[in-house]
Every structure is written in structure tokens, then in C-alpha cells.
Protein backbone atom coordinates (compact mmCIF):
# COMPACT_ATOMS: atom_id res chain seq x y z
CA MET A 1 7.95 22.85 -84.94
CA LYS A 2 6.75 19.37 -84.05
CA THR A 3 8.60 17.30 -81.50
CA ILE A 4 8.30 13.61 -82.20
CA VAL A 5 9.74 10.98 -79.88
CA ALA A 6 9.48 7.29 -80.73
CA GLY A 7 6.75 7.96 -83.28
CA HIS A 8 4.57 9.93 -80.86
CA GLU A 9 4.04 13.68 -81.06
CA ALA A 10 4.67 15.46 -77.79
CA VAL A 11 2.34 18.42 -77.34
CA THR A 12 3.59 19.72 -73.99
CA THR A 13 6.98 19.72 -72.32
CA THR A 14 5.64 17.24 -69.76
CA GLU A 15 4.66 14.82 -72.52
CA PHE A 16 8.06 15.28 -74.14
CA ALA A 17 9.84 14.45 -70.88
CA GLU A 18 7.64 11.37 -70.37
CA LEU A 19 8.26 10.13 -73.91
CA ALA A 20 11.97 10.95 -73.99
CA LEU A 21 12.83 9.59 -70.55
CA GLY A 22 10.32 6.77 -70.44
CA ILE A 23 9.04 7.62 -66.96
CA ASP A 24 5.63 8.71 -65.74
CA LEU A 25 6.10 12.12 -64.15
CA GLU A 26 2.96 11.81 -62.02
CA LEU A 27 4.45 8.71 -60.39
CA PHE A 28 7.19 10.91 -58.93
CA THR A 29 5.28 14.17 -58.43
CA GLY A 30 1.84 12.93 -57.38
CA SER A 31 -1.43 14.76 -57.69
CA ALA A 32 -3.03 17.36 -55.48
CA THR A 33 -6.11 15.22 -54.87
CA GLU A 34 -4.48 11.97 -53.72
CA SER A 35 -5.23 10.60 -50.27
CA ALA A 36 -2.57 9.69 -47.72
CA MET A 37 -2.95 5.99 -48.55
CA GLU A 38 -2.65 6.64 -52.29
CA ARG A 39 0.42 8.79 -51.67
CA ALA A 40 2.11 6.08 -49.61
CA ALA A 41 1.44 3.45 -52.30
CA ARG A 42 2.66 5.78 -55.07
CA LEU A 43 5.85 6.59 -53.18
CA ASP A 44 6.57 2.89 -52.58
CA VAL A 45 6.36 2.20 -56.31
CA ALA A 46 8.33 5.35 -57.15
CA HIS A 47 11.19 4.30 -54.85
CA GLU A 48 11.30 0.84 -56.45
CA VAL A 49 11.40 2.35 -59.93
CA LEU A 50 14.06 4.81 -58.78
CA ALA A 51 16.24 1.97 -57.47
CA GLU A 52 16.04 0.23 -60.87
CA LEU A 53 16.76 3.50 -62.68
CA ARG A 54 19.90 4.11 -60.61
CA GLU A 55 21.33 0.86 -61.96
CA SER A 56 20.32 1.31 -65.60
CA ASP A 57 20.28 5.10 -66.15
CA PRO A 58 21.80 7.24 -63.39
CA GLU A 59 21.08 10.52 -65.21
CA THR A 60 17.36 9.81 -65.50
CA ALA A 61 17.38 8.55 -61.91
CA ALA A 62 18.78 11.89 -60.75
CA TYR A 63 15.99 13.71 -62.62
CA ALA A 64 13.33 11.39 -61.17
CA GLU A 65 14.76 11.89 -57.69
CA SER A 66 14.50 15.66 -58.08
CA LEU A 67 10.85 15.19 -59.07
CA LEU A 68 10.22 13.39 -55.78
CA ARG A 69 11.21 16.58 -53.95
CA THR A 70 8.62 18.66 -55.77
CA LEU A 71 5.12 19.08 -54.42
CA PRO A 72 1.97 19.08 -56.50
CA LEU A 73 -0.06 22.26 -56.51
CA LYS A 74 -2.75 22.07 -53.86
CA GLN A 75 -6.31 22.86 -54.76
CA PRO A 76 -7.82 25.39 -52.35
CA ARG A 77 -10.15 23.62 -49.96
CA PRO A 78 -13.28 25.24 -48.68
CA SER A 79 -12.72 26.10 -45.04
CA GLY A 80 -16.36 25.69 -44.10
CA ARG A 81 -16.52 29.34 -43.14
CA ARG A 82 -18.38 32.04 -44.96
CA PRO A 83 -16.30 34.94 -46.24
CA ARG A 84 -16.35 38.10 -44.19
CA ARG A 85 -18.67 40.84 -45.25
CA ALA A 86 -17.57 44.42 -45.15
CA VAL A 87 -19.27 46.38 -42.40
CA ARG A 88 -20.22 49.92 -43.31
CA ARG A 89 -19.49 52.35 -40.57
CA PRO A 90 -20.46 55.99 -40.57
CA VAL A 91 -17.65 58.44 -41.21
CA LYS A 92 -16.99 60.70 -38.23
CA GLY A 93 -17.91 64.32 -38.75
CA CYS A 94 -20.00 63.64 -41.82
CA THR A 95 -23.64 64.55 -41.35
CA ALA A 96 -24.79 64.40 -44.92
CA ARG A 97 -28.49 63.74 -45.28
CA THR A 98 -30.44 62.87 -48.31
CA ALA A 99 -33.65 64.60 -49.14
CA VAL A 100 -36.51 62.82 -50.80
CA ALA A 101 -38.88 64.83 -52.94
CA ALA A 102 -42.50 64.06 -52.25
């Protein structure tokens, strides 16, 4: 089944929400790679848009406000440390020897 909103075909649920509600979800949720300065600027704009939405469409404003409380998935950062290597230790009481044929 195709979902078409305002003449555009929504492929994912995120696209459907953006088309149906008329808001950019990333404006309210952010991205995992944004810097602190980018986050502050995005939140300033998001709060301004939210204030306008409260006046014109309280239901969409409530949804957008709930998006502000969500966190983007963080990408794992390299810690700068090498992973631990397993250390092989001899088993106590085991004196198995290997013989090599000459």
C-alpha cells in the first residue's frame, strides 16, 4: 500500500510524519554527529518553531515537544585504546606434551 501525503509518496514512517505534520523531525531530535555549537543553534530554532506551533497547532506542538526529549543514537567513538588480547595461561595439572616425528 502506498502512502501519499500532499502529492508526495512517503517511503518510511519518518517521512510520513514529516509530510503529514509539516515539521522536520531532525530539527527536534538532532543527529548523533552534531557539535555542541550546532546543537545549541538547532535547539534555539526548535524552541522558536515550537512556540509558533503551540499557537497554531497544539497537538503537533505536543508531538514536537516529545521529540525534543528524545536523544539521537550515538555512534561509538574510538577510545584510542587497543582492545585487550586474551592471554593464554597454562592449565594447572595438565602436562600434555606434543611429540614431533623426525
